[in-house]
Amino acid sequence: MSASPAFQLALGLAVKARREELGRTQETVANDTDLHQRWISNVETGKRNPSYASLRRLASGLDLSASELIARAEQIEASDGISAPAAVRR
């Protein structure tokens, strides 16, 4: 089962917020995690739904566990009442 579009957007916001909190660029995180910068950009914009293995690598590059990153995304999703833009909905 894939993530809902709203959760995908919330995850992207959580990734971006944490990356900026740490003062890191997408390129730095990409180098630290061996993930592509464009892939990270697509996660941050909600265009990409990472696999669990990739999520763990990304979270590690942000000095979080996967569960901590998911919890941050869930908080964003619940507090902001995020709804997916029409282009993302299927």
C-alpha atoms as a PDB file:
ATOM      1  CA  MET A   1       0.000   0.000   0.000  1.00  0.00           C
ATOM      2  CA  SER A   2       1.382   3.415  -0.911  1.00  0.00           C
ATOM      3  CA  ALA A   3       1.220   6.529   1.200  1.00  0.00           C
ATOM      4  CA  SER A   4      -1.672   8.908   0.752  1.00  0.00           C
ATOM      5  CA  PRO A   5      -0.855  12.043  -1.258  1.00  0.00           C
ATOM      6  CA  ALA A   6      -1.444  14.144   1.870  1.00  0.00           C
ATOM      7  CA  PHE A   7       1.048  12.085   3.858  1.00  0.00           C
ATOM      8  CA  GLN A   8       3.552  12.241   1.000  1.00  0.00           C
ATOM      9  CA  LEU A   9       3.350  16.035   1.094  1.00  0.00           C
ATOM     10  CA  ALA A  10       3.654  16.051   4.886  1.00  0.00           C
ATOM     11  CA  LEU A  11       6.705  13.786   4.693  1.00  0.00           C
ATOM     12  CA  GLY A  12       8.272  16.145   2.184  1.00  0.00           C
ATOM     13  CA  LEU A  13       7.640  19.105   4.455  1.00  0.00           C
ATOM     14  CA  ALA A  14       9.138  17.216   7.392  1.00  0.00           C
ATOM     15  CA  VAL A  15      12.252  16.328   5.386  1.00  0.00           C
ATOM     16  CA  LYS A  16      12.716  19.894   4.176  1.00  0.00           C
ATOM     17  CA  ALA A  17      12.116  21.401   7.625  1.00  0.00           C
ATOM     18  CA  ARG A  18      14.647  19.073   9.258  1.00  0.00           C
ATOM     19  CA  ARG A  19      17.215  19.644   6.509  1.00  0.00           C
ATOM     20  CA  GLU A  20      16.864  23.411   6.894  1.00  0.00           C
ATOM     21  CA  GLU A  21      16.913  23.083  10.700  1.00  0.00           C
ATOM     22  CA  LEU A  22      20.320  21.419  10.328  1.00  0.00           C
ATOM     23  CA  GLY A  23      21.499  24.052   7.846  1.00  0.00           C
ATOM     24  CA  ARG A  24      22.140  21.455   5.147  1.00  0.00           C
ATOM     25  CA  THR A  25      21.530  21.611   1.436  1.00  0.00           C
ATOM     26  CA  GLN A  26      19.880  18.892  -0.602  1.00  0.00           C
ATOM     27  CA  GLU A  27      23.292  18.262  -2.144  1.00  0.00           C
ATOM     28  CA  THR A  28      24.918  17.755   1.272  1.00  0.00           C
ATOM     29  CA  VAL A  29      22.203  15.325   2.353  1.00  0.00           C
ATOM     30  CA  ALA A  30      22.513  13.531  -0.975  1.00  0.00           C
ATOM     31  CA  ASN A  31      26.257  13.113  -0.493  1.00  0.00           C
ATOM     32  CA  ASP A  32      25.810  11.934   3.095  1.00  0.00           C
ATOM     33  CA  THR A  33      23.167   9.353   2.196  1.00  0.00           C
ATOM     34  CA  ASP A  34      24.245   8.238  -1.286  1.00  0.00           C
ATOM     35  CA  LEU A  35      20.846   9.329  -2.574  1.00  0.00           C
ATOM     36  CA  HIS A  36      20.462  11.596  -5.596  1.00  0.00           C
ATOM     37  CA  GLN A  37      19.792  15.290  -4.995  1.00  0.00           C
ATOM     38  CA  ARG A  38      16.911  15.279  -7.495  1.00  0.00           C
ATOM     39  CA  TRP A  39      15.354  12.317  -5.648  1.00  0.00           C
ATOM     40  CA  ILE A  40      15.531  14.271  -2.372  1.00  0.00           C
ATOM     41  CA  SER A  41      13.948  17.260  -4.103  1.00  0.00           C
ATOM     42  CA  ASN A  42      11.121  15.036  -5.352  1.00  0.00           C
ATOM     43  CA  VAL A  43      10.555  13.684  -1.837  1.00  0.00           C
ATOM     44  CA  GLU A  44      10.475  17.232  -0.434  1.00  0.00           C
ATOM     45  CA  THR A  45       7.860  18.300  -2.977  1.00  0.00           C
ATOM     46  CA  GLY A  46       5.694  15.221  -2.429  1.00  0.00           C
ATOM     47  CA  LYS A  47       6.345  13.827  -5.899  1.00  0.00           C
ATOM     48  CA  ARG A  48       8.172  10.760  -4.640  1.00  0.00           C
ATOM     49  CA  ASN A  49       7.140   8.125  -2.116  1.00  0.00           C
ATOM     50  CA  PRO A  50      10.346   6.600  -0.714  1.00  0.00           C
ATOM     51  CA  SER A  51      10.752   2.922   0.007  1.00  0.00           C
ATOM     52  CA  TYR A  52      11.378   2.007   3.634  1.00  0.00           C
ATOM     53  CA  ALA A  53      15.078   1.394   2.940  1.00  0.00           C
ATOM     54  CA  SER A  54      15.442   4.807   1.295  1.00  0.00           C
ATOM     55  CA  LEU A  55      13.451   6.447   4.068  1.00  0.00           C
ATOM     56  CA  ARG A  56      15.861   4.979   6.625  1.00  0.00           C
ATOM     57  CA  ARG A  57      18.864   6.299   4.689  1.00  0.00           C
ATOM     58  CA  LEU A  58      17.278   9.714   4.328  1.00  0.00           C
ATOM     59  CA  ALA A  59      16.321   9.884   8.007  1.00  0.00           C
ATOM     60  CA  SER A  60      19.832   8.865   9.011  1.00  0.00           C
ATOM     61  CA  GLY A  61      21.238  11.675   6.867  1.00  0.00           C
ATOM     62  CA  LEU A  62      18.975  14.039   8.789  1.00  0.00           C
ATOM     63  CA  ASP A  63      20.170  12.653  12.145  1.00  0.00           C
ATOM     64  CA  LEU A  64      16.806  11.030  12.859  1.00  0.00           C
ATOM     65  CA  SER A  65      15.435   7.516  12.971  1.00  0.00           C
ATOM     66  CA  ALA A  66      12.844   6.574  10.368  1.00  0.00           C
ATOM     67  CA  SER A  67      10.190   6.513  13.084  1.00  0.00           C
ATOM     68  CA  GLU A  68      11.119  10.038  14.223  1.00  0.00           C
ATOM     69  CA  LEU A  69      10.857  11.328  10.659  1.00  0.00           C
ATOM     70  CA  ILE A  70       7.506   9.604  10.154  1.00  0.00           C
ATOM     71  CA  ALA A  71       6.249  11.027  13.467  1.00  0.00           C
ATOM     72  CA  ARG A  72       7.203  14.537  12.329  1.00  0.00           C
ATOM     73  CA  ALA A  73       5.332  13.984   9.058  1.00  0.00           C
ATOM     74  CA  GLU A  74       2.280  12.719  10.947  1.00  0.00           C
ATOM     75  CA  GLN A  75       2.314  15.828  13.147  1.00  0.00           C
ATOM     76  CA  ILE A  76       2.445  18.056  10.072  1.00  0.00           C
ATOM     77  CA  GLU A  77      -0.332  16.116   8.389  1.00  0.00           C
ATOM     78  CA  ALA A  78      -2.558  16.313  11.478  1.00  0.00           C
ATOM     79  CA  SER A  79      -1.860  19.944  12.388  1.00  0.00           C
ATOM     80  CA  ASP A  80      -1.931  21.488   8.932  1.00  0.00           C
ATOM     81  CA  GLY A  81      -4.831  19.546   7.539  1.00  0.00           C
ATOM     82  CA  ILE A  82      -2.844  19.057   4.365  1.00  0.00           C
ATOM     83  CA  SER A  83      -4.751  18.055   1.277  1.00  0.00           C
ATOM     84  CA  ALA A  84      -3.088  17.015  -1.910  1.00  0.00           C
ATOM     85  CA  PRO A  85      -3.143  19.454  -4.807  1.00  0.00           C
ATOM     86  CA  ALA A  86      -5.215  18.341  -7.781  1.00  0.00           C
ATOM     87  CA  ALA A  87      -2.083  17.494  -9.788  1.00  0.00           C
ATOM     88  CA  VAL A  88      -1.002  14.967  -7.136  1.00  0.00           C
ATOM     89  CA  ARG A  89      -4.419  13.365  -6.545  1.00  0.00           C
ATOM     90  CA  ARG A  90      -5.283  10.253  -8.514  1.00  0.00           C
END
